[in-house]
Amino acid sequence: MSDIRTLGKGSVRALARGQDFKSIGSERKSELVIRQLRGLLESGRLKPGEKLPAEPALAAKFGVSRTVLREALKVLELSGYLEVRRGYGGGTFVSAPAAEEFRTVGSPAMSLPTVTSRQLNEVRLAIEPRAAGIAARAEAREVGALRDAIREMEVFDDRPARVLEANFNFHVAVAKASGNPVFVAVLENLKVALYRDLNHVVRDPGWREACRGEHERIVGEIEGGHHERAEEAMCRHVEAELDVGRRGTGV
């Protein structure tokens, strides 16, 4: 295999020194790309601040399509391993978060590009308000996990990867509080699509504050046993999230 240093100059050459990206075989390709890149990141062979090669060159080195590569890079970005910078001198860079910020966002069962914002809208509005209403009807309304997720959003307010994770955990906790494991399974399968739709707004402090406030209202309605109001609060919140998602993806 040729040395990746032939791909470019400067930081790309520094990044690639001593690395040998291996061609991917017939297994689930995006998962294998994620695994190989994560190994290089966690071992320190790819160092914070270094820039990855351009997509066409990196895809060729792995022997995968650019669509597969983008899916893998998005998962690693949402996990806190990579950072995408726009504009002049931009590209995909190795992130430098605190060690505990690293999170592994699993590769979804459905390919990320196949889930549109409209489809996400339809599924979430079909199940999440209903889950909140059922949770409010439960005899034992345990909201500890919901409040933990809200606190985590506040504590890690300056860490986008952690905010996205805490936001997602809140919605899964509501589904779990409904007692219906099907709701939970559906949401978990949509994790990467939901992260994708909110990734462009998570750095907006106004959005983060509004999101926490909406979560507080939902918890209050569930805790008070107000099932209709819990459904309405969740419906408004999901619609707001989906609206910013559509604006960000253009889908």
Foldseek 3Di string as FASTA:
>chain_A
DDQQCVQDDDLQNVLRVPHQQAADDDDLLLQVVLVVVVVCQVVCSRPFPGAHGDQVSVCVSNVHDSLSVVLNLLQQVLQQQWDFDDDPPTHIGGHDDPPVSGDGQDRAPDRLVVQDLVNVLVVCLVPQLVLLLLLLQDPDNDCPQLVVLLVQCVVVLVRLSSNLVSLLSNSLVSNVSSVDVVSNVVSSNCSSNLCQLCVVCSNPVVVSVVLSVLSVQLSVSSVNSVSVSNSVSSNVSSVVSSVSSCVVPVD
